[in-house]
């Protein structure tokens, strides 16, 4: 029995040594315990070039930069980023060599909308099976972003008119002077703001101001967002990414276990809020969307 207990303790020590080795180099006791292997992790080469809507790079300090785009230009929201970004965030979260993540857009826009806006979703053209996929992806989009274990810095390089949670859920939010925030595709176009908007903006602005923002389609400029505490710094567009990397480089020098555990502590309230309300919000959005065709037909008869 004593031998079995001793063996179990050795296994625990081996696992702890391997975890320390990942972050700090060879662990104390590696030679004595035989070095049983590393923590399972995804390598950058496995996911860096897989995406049509994001360019991924990492510097020697461990700062990973994600630049969202559509065919090399500003990101236009739609099916491709809705499908890809949850999987990209999941890969980033599984790569323990990442120390800090910088998320930004391309050109003068962070996230834009196609000319038709919400389109068929607002007209009730997506069937239940389509909404099943949207809800699956929508849950993963936010969940996997918050599952990233290291600090996230958003460099909001222009207007964020859709899925602004990708910016404002970051630990540090920097914005270009011409940037603004808006929830354009939801209530203004006939959709329930249920894909985390109903959680994020009342949390950031307060319940009343948050609901006003969502129901009116209000645009909040970078300067006002700074005054409201949504944005940490407002910068000239040509200084934005350099400042993001300056902050990221400073963070990347810190103890990696400190970085991960601080991130866990900071996002736990957000993850609890999303666990309570994200899936329900997406389901409510789907129901209202599927009712739109009947309502529009009735309006036409009237």
C-alpha atoms as a PDB file:
ATOM      1  CA  UNK A   1       0.000   0.000   0.000  1.00  0.00           C
ATOM      2  CA  UNK A   2       2.790   2.438   0.916  1.00  0.00           C
ATOM      3  CA  UNK A   3       4.462   1.664  -2.425  1.00  0.00           C
ATOM      4  CA  UNK A   4       1.215   2.433  -4.283  1.00  0.00           C
ATOM      5  CA  UNK A   5       0.764   5.732  -2.444  1.00  0.00           C
ATOM      6  CA  UNK A   6       4.363   6.675  -3.144  1.00  0.00           C
ATOM      7  CA  UNK A   7       3.873   5.921  -6.838  1.00  0.00           C
ATOM      8  CA  UNK A   8       0.758   8.093  -6.968  1.00  0.00           C
ATOM      9  CA  UNK A   9       2.613  10.982  -5.368  1.00  0.00           C
ATOM     10  CA  UNK A  10       5.423  10.604  -7.910  1.00  0.00           C
ATOM     11  CA  UNK A  11       2.853  10.782 -10.733  1.00  0.00           C
ATOM     12  CA  UNK A  12       1.434  14.026  -9.353  1.00  0.00           C
ATOM     13  CA  UNK A  13       4.924  15.519  -9.024  1.00  0.00           C
ATOM     14  CA  UNK A  14       5.776  14.433 -12.579  1.00  0.00           C
ATOM     15  CA  UNK A  15       2.667  16.163 -13.938  1.00  0.00           C
ATOM     16  CA  UNK A  16       3.421  19.336 -11.982  1.00  0.00           C
ATOM     17  CA  UNK A  17       7.036  19.338 -13.186  1.00  0.00           C
ATOM     18  CA  UNK A  18       5.903  18.993 -16.798  1.00  0.00           C
ATOM     19  CA  UNK A  19       3.524  21.934 -16.411  1.00  0.00           C
ATOM     20  CA  UNK A  20       6.284  24.103 -14.923  1.00  0.00           C
ATOM     21  CA  UNK A  21       8.670  23.020 -17.680  1.00  0.00           C
ATOM     22  CA  UNK A  22       6.321  24.403 -20.333  1.00  0.00           C
ATOM     23  CA  UNK A  23       6.586  27.897 -18.887  1.00  0.00           C
ATOM     24  CA  UNK A  24       9.976  28.177 -17.223  1.00  0.00           C
ATOM     25  CA  UNK A  25      12.242  25.615 -18.904  1.00  0.00           C
ATOM     26  CA  UNK A  26      13.385  22.292 -17.395  1.00  0.00           C
ATOM     27  CA  UNK A  27      11.618  21.662 -14.113  1.00  0.00           C
ATOM     28  CA  UNK A  28      13.394  20.895 -10.865  1.00  0.00           C
ATOM     29  CA  UNK A  29      13.307  17.145 -10.444  1.00  0.00           C
ATOM     30  CA  UNK A  30      13.069  16.276 -14.172  1.00  0.00           C
ATOM     31  CA  UNK A  31      16.053  13.968 -13.995  1.00  0.00           C
ATOM     32  CA  UNK A  32      14.823  12.181 -10.884  1.00  0.00           C
ATOM     33  CA  UNK A  33      11.310  11.704 -12.192  1.00  0.00           C
ATOM     34  CA  UNK A  34      12.133  10.841 -15.762  1.00  0.00           C
ATOM     35  CA  UNK A  35      10.221  13.646 -17.542  1.00  0.00           C
ATOM     36  CA  UNK A  36       6.937  11.985 -18.541  1.00  0.00           C
ATOM     37  CA  UNK A  37       6.040  14.436 -21.342  1.00  0.00           C
ATOM     38  CA  UNK A  38       4.458  17.840 -21.884  1.00  0.00           C
ATOM     39  CA  UNK A  39       0.987  19.232 -21.486  1.00  0.00           C
ATOM     40  CA  UNK A  40      -1.136  18.679 -24.578  1.00  0.00           C
ATOM     41  CA  UNK A  41      -0.991  21.869 -26.634  1.00  0.00           C
ATOM     42  CA  UNK A  42      -1.668  23.096 -30.153  1.00  0.00           C
ATOM     43  CA  UNK A  43       1.317  24.385 -32.125  1.00  0.00           C
ATOM     44  CA  UNK A  44       1.143  27.648 -34.075  1.00  0.00           C
ATOM     45  CA  UNK A  45       2.035  25.904 -37.339  1.00  0.00           C
ATOM     46  CA  UNK A  46      -1.081  23.769 -36.965  1.00  0.00           C
ATOM     47  CA  UNK A  47      -3.492  26.709 -37.140  1.00  0.00           C
ATOM     48  CA  UNK A  48      -1.696  29.841 -38.360  1.00  0.00           C
ATOM     49  CA  UNK A  49      -2.609  29.540 -42.053  1.00  0.00           C
ATOM     50  CA  UNK A  50      -6.004  27.835 -41.860  1.00  0.00           C
ATOM     51  CA  UNK A  51      -8.235  30.910 -42.010  1.00  0.00           C
ATOM     52  CA  UNK A  52      -9.835  32.888 -44.824  1.00  0.00           C
ATOM     53  CA  UNK A  53     -10.976  35.703 -42.527  1.00  0.00           C
ATOM     54  CA  UNK A  54      -7.954  36.197 -40.258  1.00  0.00           C
ATOM     55  CA  UNK A  55      -4.195  36.592 -40.540  1.00  0.00           C
ATOM     56  CA  UNK A  56      -2.316  35.160 -37.568  1.00  0.00           C
ATOM     57  CA  UNK A  57       1.269  35.906 -36.522  1.00  0.00           C
ATOM     58  CA  UNK A  58       3.353  35.689 -33.342  1.00  0.00           C
ATOM     59  CA  UNK A  59       6.534  37.458 -32.339  1.00  0.00           C
ATOM     60  CA  UNK A  60       9.431  36.110 -30.308  1.00  0.00           C
ATOM     61  CA  UNK A  61       7.926  37.487 -27.086  1.00  0.00           C
ATOM     62  CA  UNK A  62       4.830  35.320 -27.521  1.00  0.00           C
ATOM     63  CA  UNK A  63       2.494  38.131 -28.600  1.00  0.00           C
ATOM     64  CA  UNK A  64      -0.037  36.651 -31.030  1.00  0.00           C
ATOM     65  CA  UNK A  65      -1.704  39.107 -33.414  1.00  0.00           C
ATOM     66  CA  UNK A  66      -5.010  38.294 -35.117  1.00  0.00           C
ATOM     67  CA  UNK A  67      -5.894  40.633 -37.982  1.00  0.00           C
ATOM     68  CA  UNK A  68      -9.462  40.058 -39.142  1.00  0.00           C
ATOM     69  CA  UNK A  69     -10.184  40.700 -42.812  1.00  0.00           C
ATOM     70  CA  UNK A  70     -12.329  39.852 -45.815  1.00  0.00           C
ATOM     71  CA  UNK A  71     -10.173  39.042 -48.847  1.00  0.00           C
ATOM     72  CA  UNK A  72      -7.436  41.269 -47.499  1.00  0.00           C
ATOM     73  CA  UNK A  73      -9.702  44.256 -46.877  1.00  0.00           C
ATOM     74  CA  UNK A  74     -11.857  45.312 -43.922  1.00  0.00           C
ATOM     75  CA  UNK A  75     -13.799  42.468 -42.331  1.00  0.00           C
ATOM     76  CA  UNK A  76     -17.405  42.267 -43.527  1.00  0.00           C
ATOM     77  CA  UNK A  77     -19.463  40.203 -41.113  1.00  0.00           C
ATOM     78  CA  UNK A  78     -21.242  37.138 -42.435  1.00  0.00           C
ATOM     79  CA  UNK A  79     -21.112  33.363 -42.527  1.00  0.00           C
ATOM     80  CA  UNK A  80     -17.340  32.889 -43.002  1.00  0.00           C
ATOM     81  CA  UNK A  81     -16.148  34.799 -39.895  1.00  0.00           C
ATOM     82  CA  UNK A  82     -19.091  33.460 -37.876  1.00  0.00           C
ATOM     83  CA  UNK A  83     -17.886  29.925 -38.676  1.00  0.00           C
ATOM     84  CA  UNK A  84     -14.127  30.490 -38.529  1.00  0.00           C
ATOM     85  CA  UNK A  85     -13.465  32.786 -35.593  1.00  0.00           C
ATOM     86  CA  UNK A  86     -14.808  30.420 -32.896  1.00  0.00           C
ATOM     87  CA  UNK A  87     -12.427  27.726 -34.149  1.00  0.00           C
ATOM     88  CA  UNK A  88      -9.528  30.178 -34.359  1.00  0.00           C
ATOM     89  CA  UNK A  89     -10.132  31.327 -30.776  1.00  0.00           C
ATOM     90  CA  UNK A  90     -10.279  27.682 -29.656  1.00  0.00           C
ATOM     91  CA  UNK A  91      -6.905  27.008 -31.270  1.00  0.00           C
ATOM     92  CA  UNK A  92      -5.393  30.141 -29.723  1.00  0.00           C
ATOM     93  CA  UNK A  93      -6.722  29.092 -26.314  1.00  0.00           C
ATOM     94  CA  UNK A  94      -5.046  25.686 -26.708  1.00  0.00           C
ATOM     95  CA  UNK A  95      -1.620  27.084 -27.621  1.00  0.00           C
ATOM     96  CA  UNK A  96       0.290  27.541 -24.354  1.00  0.00           C
ATOM     97  CA  UNK A  97       3.101  29.410 -26.088  1.00  0.00           C
ATOM     98  CA  UNK A  98       0.859  32.432 -26.549  1.00  0.00           C
ATOM     99  CA  UNK A  99       1.562  35.053 -23.883  1.00  0.00           C
ATOM    100  CA  UNK A 100      -0.723  37.895 -25.020  1.00  0.00           C
ATOM    101  CA  UNK A 101      -3.256  38.217 -27.864  1.00  0.00           C
ATOM    102  CA  UNK A 102      -3.816  41.369 -29.933  1.00  0.00           C
ATOM    103  CA  UNK A 103      -7.068  41.422 -31.937  1.00  0.00           C
ATOM    104  CA  UNK A 104      -7.527  44.022 -34.659  1.00  0.00           C
ATOM    105  CA  UNK A 105      -9.174  44.631 -38.018  1.00  0.00           C
ATOM    106  CA  UNK A 106      -7.961  45.728 -41.437  1.00  0.00           C
ATOM    107  CA  UNK A 107      -7.905  49.179 -42.971  1.00  0.00           C
ATOM    108  CA  UNK A 108     -10.216  51.762 -41.449  1.00  0.00           C
ATOM    109  CA  UNK A 109     -12.903  49.389 -40.133  1.00  0.00           C
ATOM    110  CA  UNK A 110     -12.936  46.853 -37.289  1.00  0.00           C
ATOM    111  CA  UNK A 111     -16.092  44.976 -38.349  1.00  0.00           C
ATOM    112  CA  UNK A 112     -18.512  46.100 -41.050  1.00  0.00           C
ATOM    113  CA  UNK A 113     -21.740  44.839 -42.594  1.00  0.00           C
ATOM    114  CA  UNK A 114     -22.560  43.856 -46.190  1.00  0.00           C
ATOM    115  CA  UNK A 115     -24.763  46.236 -48.212  1.00  0.00           C
ATOM    116  CA  UNK A 116     -27.891  44.241 -47.341  1.00  0.00           C
ATOM    117  CA  UNK A 117     -27.227  44.350 -43.612  1.00  0.00           C
ATOM    118  CA  UNK A 118     -28.876  41.509 -41.705  1.00  0.00           C
ATOM    119  CA  UNK A 119     -30.664  40.505 -44.897  1.00  0.00           C
ATOM    120  CA  UNK A 120     -32.527  37.207 -44.866  1.00  0.00           C
ATOM    121  CA  UNK A 121     -32.162  36.761 -41.121  1.00  0.00           C
ATOM    122  CA  UNK A 122     -34.298  39.835 -40.498  1.00  0.00           C
ATOM    123  CA  UNK A 123     -36.851  38.707 -43.102  1.00  0.00           C
ATOM    124  CA  UNK A 124     -37.311  35.263 -41.551  1.00  0.00           C
ATOM    125  CA  UNK A 125     -35.712  33.361 -44.416  1.00  0.00           C
ATOM    126  CA  UNK A 126     -33.464  31.132 -42.316  1.00  0.00           C
ATOM    127  CA  UNK A 127     -35.150  27.858 -41.250  1.00  0.00           C
ATOM    128  CA  UNK A 128     -34.824  26.216 -37.867  1.00  0.00           C
ATOM    129  CA  UNK A 129     -31.999  23.956 -39.067  1.00  0.00           C
ATOM    130  CA  UNK A 130     -30.056  27.031 -40.160  1.00  0.00           C
ATOM    131  CA  UNK A 131     -30.637  28.706 -36.819  1.00  0.00           C
ATOM    132  CA  UNK A 132     -29.404  25.562 -35.085  1.00  0.00           C
ATOM    133  CA  UNK A 133     -26.018  26.135 -36.714  1.00  0.00           C
ATOM    134  CA  UNK A 134     -26.063  29.877 -36.016  1.00  0.00           C
ATOM    135  CA  UNK A 135     -26.772  29.220 -32.329  1.00  0.00           C
ATOM    136  CA  UNK A 136     -23.979  26.625 -32.147  1.00  0.00           C
ATOM    137  CA  UNK A 137     -21.479  29.019 -33.729  1.00  0.00           C
ATOM    138  CA  UNK A 138     -22.727  32.011 -31.756  1.00  0.00           C
ATOM    139  CA  UNK A 139     -22.236  30.238 -28.457  1.00  0.00           C
ATOM    140  CA  UNK A 140     -18.742  29.124 -29.420  1.00  0.00           C
ATOM    141  CA  UNK A 141     -17.741  32.551 -30.723  1.00  0.00           C
ATOM    142  CA  UNK A 142     -18.061  34.159 -27.296  1.00  0.00           C
ATOM    143  CA  UNK A 143     -17.225  31.092 -25.235  1.00  0.00           C
ATOM    144  CA  UNK A 144     -13.939  30.419 -27.038  1.00  0.00           C
ATOM    145  CA  UNK A 145     -12.940  34.090 -26.969  1.00  0.00           C
ATOM    146  CA  UNK A 146     -13.344  34.080 -23.188  1.00  0.00           C
ATOM    147  CA  UNK A 147     -11.569  30.700 -23.000  1.00  0.00           C
ATOM    148  CA  UNK A 148      -8.307  32.280 -24.181  1.00  0.00           C
ATOM    149  CA  UNK A 149      -6.115  31.994 -21.096  1.00  0.00           C
ATOM    150  CA  UNK A 150      -3.901  35.044 -21.596  1.00  0.00           C
ATOM    151  CA  UNK A 151      -4.632  38.787 -21.704  1.00  0.00           C
ATOM    152  CA  UNK A 152      -6.410  40.007 -24.836  1.00  0.00           C
ATOM    153  CA  UNK A 153      -5.893  43.508 -26.224  1.00  0.00           C
ATOM    154  CA  UNK A 154      -8.353  44.860 -28.798  1.00  0.00           C
ATOM    155  CA  UNK A 155      -6.985  47.455 -31.208  1.00  0.00           C
ATOM    156  CA  UNK A 156     -10.226  48.838 -32.622  1.00  0.00           C
ATOM    157  CA  UNK A 157      -9.007  50.352 -35.868  1.00  0.00           C
ATOM    158  CA  UNK A 158     -12.373  51.729 -36.986  1.00  0.00           C
ATOM    159  CA  UNK A 159     -16.136  51.365 -36.626  1.00  0.00           C
ATOM    160  CA  UNK A 160     -17.389  48.190 -34.950  1.00  0.00           C
ATOM    161  CA  UNK A 161     -20.987  48.045 -36.159  1.00  0.00           C
ATOM    162  CA  UNK A 162     -21.528  44.303 -35.651  1.00  0.00           C
ATOM    163  CA  UNK A 163     -20.257  41.848 -33.054  1.00  0.00           C
ATOM    164  CA  UNK A 164     -18.654  44.635 -31.077  1.00  0.00           C
ATOM    165  CA  UNK A 165     -18.317  42.174 -28.189  1.00  0.00           C
ATOM    166  CA  UNK A 166     -15.158  40.930 -29.904  1.00  0.00           C
ATOM    167  CA  UNK A 167     -13.655  44.320 -29.065  1.00  0.00           C
ATOM    168  CA  UNK A 168     -15.175  45.262 -25.734  1.00  0.00           C
ATOM    169  CA  UNK A 169     -14.770  41.855 -24.082  1.00  0.00           C
ATOM    170  CA  UNK A 170     -10.998  42.311 -24.353  1.00  0.00           C
ATOM    171  CA  UNK A 171      -9.026  43.040 -21.199  1.00  0.00           C
ATOM    172  CA  UNK A 172      -7.592  46.225 -22.715  1.00  0.00           C
ATOM    173  CA  UNK A 173      -9.521  48.136 -25.378  1.00  0.00           C
ATOM    174  CA  UNK A 174      -7.727  50.708 -27.521  1.00  0.00           C
ATOM    175  CA  UNK A 175      -9.591  52.634 -30.213  1.00  0.00           C
ATOM    176  CA  UNK A 176      -8.655  54.792 -33.175  1.00  0.00           C
ATOM    177  CA  UNK A 177     -10.015  58.327 -33.076  1.00  0.00           C
ATOM    178  CA  UNK A 178     -12.479  57.667 -35.903  1.00  0.00           C
ATOM    179  CA  UNK A 179     -13.818  54.424 -34.408  1.00  0.00           C
ATOM    180  CA  UNK A 180     -17.320  54.053 -33.023  1.00  0.00           C
ATOM    181  CA  UNK A 181     -19.450  51.268 -31.582  1.00  0.00           C
ATOM    182  CA  UNK A 182     -22.951  50.314 -32.715  1.00  0.00           C
ATOM    183  CA  UNK A 183     -25.246  47.305 -32.743  1.00  0.00           C
ATOM    184  CA  UNK A 184     -26.538  47.936 -36.262  1.00  0.00           C
ATOM    185  CA  UNK A 185     -27.728  44.486 -37.397  1.00  0.00           C
ATOM    186  CA  UNK A 186     -30.003  43.587 -34.494  1.00  0.00           C
ATOM    187  CA  UNK A 187     -32.968  45.605 -33.262  1.00  0.00           C
ATOM    188  CA  UNK A 188     -32.669  48.388 -35.882  1.00  0.00           C
ATOM    189  CA  UNK A 189     -33.021  45.750 -38.624  1.00  0.00           C
ATOM    190  CA  UNK A 190     -35.538  43.505 -36.859  1.00  0.00           C
ATOM    191  CA  UNK A 191     -33.445  41.035 -34.863  1.00  0.00           C
ATOM    192  CA  UNK A 192     -33.295  40.433 -31.119  1.00  0.00           C
ATOM    193  CA  UNK A 193     -29.888  41.575 -29.769  1.00  0.00           C
ATOM    194  CA  UNK A 194     -29.374  38.113 -28.309  1.00  0.00           C
ATOM    195  CA  UNK A 195     -25.869  37.015 -29.309  1.00  0.00           C
ATOM    196  CA  UNK A 196     -24.253  38.539 -26.178  1.00  0.00           C
ATOM    197  CA  UNK A 197     -25.197  42.143 -26.971  1.00  0.00           C
ATOM    198  CA  UNK A 198     -27.961  41.928 -24.350  1.00  0.00           C
ATOM    199  CA  UNK A 199     -25.323  40.929 -21.775  1.00  0.00           C
ATOM    200  CA  UNK A 200     -22.320  43.024 -22.755  1.00  0.00           C
ATOM    201  CA  UNK A 201     -23.686  46.518 -23.301  1.00  0.00           C
ATOM    202  CA  UNK A 202     -25.973  46.810 -20.239  1.00  0.00           C
ATOM    203  CA  UNK A 203     -23.009  45.520 -18.230  1.00  0.00           C
ATOM    204  CA  UNK A 204     -20.662  48.156 -19.637  1.00  0.00           C
ATOM    205  CA  UNK A 205     -23.028  51.123 -19.818  1.00  0.00           C
ATOM    206  CA  UNK A 206     -25.483  50.314 -17.040  1.00  0.00           C
ATOM    207  CA  UNK A 207     -28.924  48.756 -17.579  1.00  0.00           C
ATOM    208  CA  UNK A 208     -30.791  51.846 -18.783  1.00  0.00           C
ATOM    209  CA  UNK A 209     -28.107  53.312 -21.022  1.00  0.00           C
ATOM    210  CA  UNK A 210     -27.302  49.849 -22.362  1.00  0.00           C
ATOM    211  CA  UNK A 211     -30.904  49.172 -23.344  1.00  0.00           C
ATOM    212  CA  UNK A 212     -31.144  52.625 -24.941  1.00  0.00           C
ATOM    213  CA  UNK A 213     -28.028  51.860 -26.982  1.00  0.00           C
ATOM    214  CA  UNK A 214     -29.466  48.562 -28.237  1.00  0.00           C
ATOM    215  CA  UNK A 215     -33.007  49.767 -28.962  1.00  0.00           C
ATOM    216  CA  UNK A 216     -32.040  52.960 -30.797  1.00  0.00           C
ATOM    217  CA  UNK A 217     -29.039  51.780 -32.809  1.00  0.00           C
ATOM    218  CA  UNK A 218     -27.002  54.591 -31.240  1.00  0.00           C
ATOM    219  CA  UNK A 219     -23.418  55.145 -32.334  1.00  0.00           C
ATOM    220  CA  UNK A 220     -20.952  55.721 -29.498  1.00  0.00           C
ATOM    221  CA  UNK A 221     -17.779  57.433 -30.661  1.00  0.00           C
ATOM    222  CA  UNK A 222     -14.350  56.406 -29.443  1.00  0.00           C
ATOM    223  CA  UNK A 223     -14.090  59.602 -27.390  1.00  0.00           C
ATOM    224  CA  UNK A 224     -17.450  59.015 -25.695  1.00  0.00           C
ATOM    225  CA  UNK A 225     -16.618  55.342 -25.162  1.00  0.00           C
ATOM    226  CA  UNK A 226     -13.459  56.478 -23.382  1.00  0.00           C
ATOM    227  CA  UNK A 227     -15.460  58.812 -21.137  1.00  0.00           C
ATOM    228  CA  UNK A 228     -17.893  55.971 -20.373  1.00  0.00           C
ATOM    229  CA  UNK A 229     -15.083  53.607 -19.401  1.00  0.00           C
ATOM    230  CA  UNK A 230     -15.569  51.236 -22.349  1.00  0.00           C
ATOM    231  CA  UNK A 231     -12.243  52.166 -23.972  1.00  0.00           C
ATOM    232  CA  UNK A 232      -8.912  52.519 -22.209  1.00  0.00           C
ATOM    233  CA  UNK A 233      -7.146  54.799 -24.703  1.00  0.00           C
ATOM    234  CA  UNK A 234      -8.058  56.701 -27.875  1.00  0.00           C
ATOM    235  CA  UNK A 235      -5.209  57.125 -30.350  1.00  0.00           C
ATOM    236  CA  UNK A 236      -4.448  58.339 -33.834  1.00  0.00           C
ATOM    237  CA  UNK A 237      -5.002  55.513 -36.297  1.00  0.00           C
ATOM    238  CA  UNK A 238      -1.318  55.330 -37.209  1.00  0.00           C
ATOM    239  CA  UNK A 239      -0.351  54.885 -33.532  1.00  0.00           C
ATOM    240  CA  UNK A 240      -2.967  52.305 -32.597  1.00  0.00           C
ATOM    241  CA  UNK A 241      -1.305  48.998 -33.403  1.00  0.00           C
ATOM    242  CA  UNK A 242       2.107  50.152 -32.172  1.00  0.00           C
ATOM    243  CA  UNK A 243       0.576  51.077 -28.823  1.00  0.00           C
ATOM    244  CA  UNK A 244      -1.222  47.713 -28.643  1.00  0.00           C
ATOM    245  CA  UNK A 245       2.050  45.892 -29.197  1.00  0.00           C
ATOM    246  CA  UNK A 246       3.844  48.131 -26.713  1.00  0.00           C
ATOM    247  CA  UNK A 247       1.356  47.156 -24.012  1.00  0.00           C
ATOM    248  CA  UNK A 248       1.393  43.516 -25.102  1.00  0.00           C
ATOM    249  CA  UNK A 249       5.180  43.368 -24.986  1.00  0.00           C
ATOM    250  CA  UNK A 250       5.188  44.627 -21.414  1.00  0.00           C
ATOM    251  CA  UNK A 251       2.618  42.065 -20.354  1.00  0.00           C
ATOM    252  CA  UNK A 252       4.454  39.256 -22.150  1.00  0.00           C
ATOM    253  CA  UNK A 253       7.496  39.803 -19.912  1.00  0.00           C
ATOM    254  CA  UNK A 254       5.524  38.824 -16.821  1.00  0.00           C
ATOM    255  CA  UNK A 255       5.264  35.419 -15.181  1.00  0.00           C
ATOM    256  CA  UNK A 256       3.127  33.324 -17.590  1.00  0.00           C
ATOM    257  CA  UNK A 257       1.255  31.661 -14.729  1.00  0.00           C
ATOM    258  CA  UNK A 258       0.460  35.129 -13.389  1.00  0.00           C
ATOM    259  CA  UNK A 259      -0.869  36.120 -16.823  1.00  0.00           C
ATOM    260  CA  UNK A 260      -3.102  33.065 -17.140  1.00  0.00           C
ATOM    261  CA  UNK A 261      -4.470  33.188 -13.624  1.00  0.00           C
ATOM    262  CA  UNK A 262      -5.150  36.924 -13.829  1.00  0.00           C
ATOM    263  CA  UNK A 263      -7.033  36.371 -17.067  1.00  0.00           C
ATOM    264  CA  UNK A 264      -9.066  33.609 -15.408  1.00  0.00           C
ATOM    265  CA  UNK A 265      -9.910  35.888 -12.495  1.00  0.00           C
ATOM    266  CA  UNK A 266     -10.933  38.781 -14.752  1.00  0.00           C
ATOM    267  CA  UNK A 267     -13.182  36.816 -17.118  1.00  0.00           C
ATOM    268  CA  UNK A 268     -14.945  34.559 -14.610  1.00  0.00           C
ATOM    269  CA  UNK A 269     -17.810  37.050 -14.043  1.00  0.00           C
ATOM    270  CA  UNK A 270     -18.196  37.419 -17.816  1.00  0.00           C
ATOM    271  CA  UNK A 271     -18.254  33.666 -18.352  1.00  0.00           C
ATOM    272  CA  UNK A 272     -20.882  33.239 -15.643  1.00  0.00           C
ATOM    273  CA  UNK A 273     -23.043  35.930 -17.252  1.00  0.00           C
ATOM    274  CA  UNK A 274     -22.721  34.285 -20.660  1.00  0.00           C
ATOM    275  CA  UNK A 275     -23.505  30.849 -19.223  1.00  0.00           C
ATOM    276  CA  UNK A 276     -26.748  32.233 -17.846  1.00  0.00           C
ATOM    277  CA  UNK A 277     -27.985  34.279 -20.807  1.00  0.00           C
ATOM    278  CA  UNK A 278     -26.107  33.731 -24.089  1.00  0.00           C
ATOM    279  CA  UNK A 279     -27.839  30.554 -25.280  1.00  0.00           C
ATOM    280  CA  UNK A 280     -31.259  31.872 -24.248  1.00  0.00           C
ATOM    281  CA  UNK A 281     -30.628  35.153 -26.065  1.00  0.00           C
ATOM    282  CA  UNK A 282     -29.681  33.342 -29.268  1.00  0.00           C
ATOM    283  CA  UNK A 283     -32.795  31.160 -29.030  1.00  0.00           C
ATOM    284  CA  UNK A 284     -35.008  34.245 -28.567  1.00  0.00           C
ATOM    285  CA  UNK A 285     -33.308  35.833 -31.566  1.00  0.00           C
ATOM    286  CA  UNK A 286     -34.076  32.743 -33.650  1.00  0.00           C
ATOM    287  CA  UNK A 287     -37.767  32.670 -32.672  1.00  0.00           C
ATOM    288  CA  UNK A 288     -38.279  36.343 -33.480  1.00  0.00           C
ATOM    289  CA  UNK A 289     -36.423  35.957 -36.777  1.00  0.00           C
ATOM    290  CA  UNK A 290     -38.547  33.013 -37.893  1.00  0.00           C
ATOM    291  CA  UNK A 291     -41.693  35.002 -37.076  1.00  0.00           C
ATOM    292  CA  UNK A 292     -40.653  37.872 -39.349  1.00  0.00           C
ATOM    293  CA  UNK A 293     -41.846  36.395 -42.639  1.00  0.00           C
ATOM    294  CA  UNK A 294     -45.386  35.909 -41.315  1.00  0.00           C
ATOM    295  CA  UNK A 295     -45.407  39.385 -39.766  1.00  0.00           C
ATOM    296  CA  UNK A 296     -44.158  41.037 -42.974  1.00  0.00           C
ATOM    297  CA  UNK A 297     -46.775  39.189 -45.023  1.00  0.00           C
ATOM    298  CA  UNK A 298     -49.486  40.330 -42.643  1.00  0.00           C
ATOM    299  CA  UNK A 299     -48.248  43.913 -42.838  1.00  0.00           C
ATOM    300  CA  UNK A 300     -48.436  43.698 -46.617  1.00  0.00           C
ATOM    301  CA  UNK A 301     -52.087  42.542 -46.454  1.00  0.00           C
ATOM    302  CA  UNK A 302     -52.975  45.322 -44.049  1.00  0.00           C
END
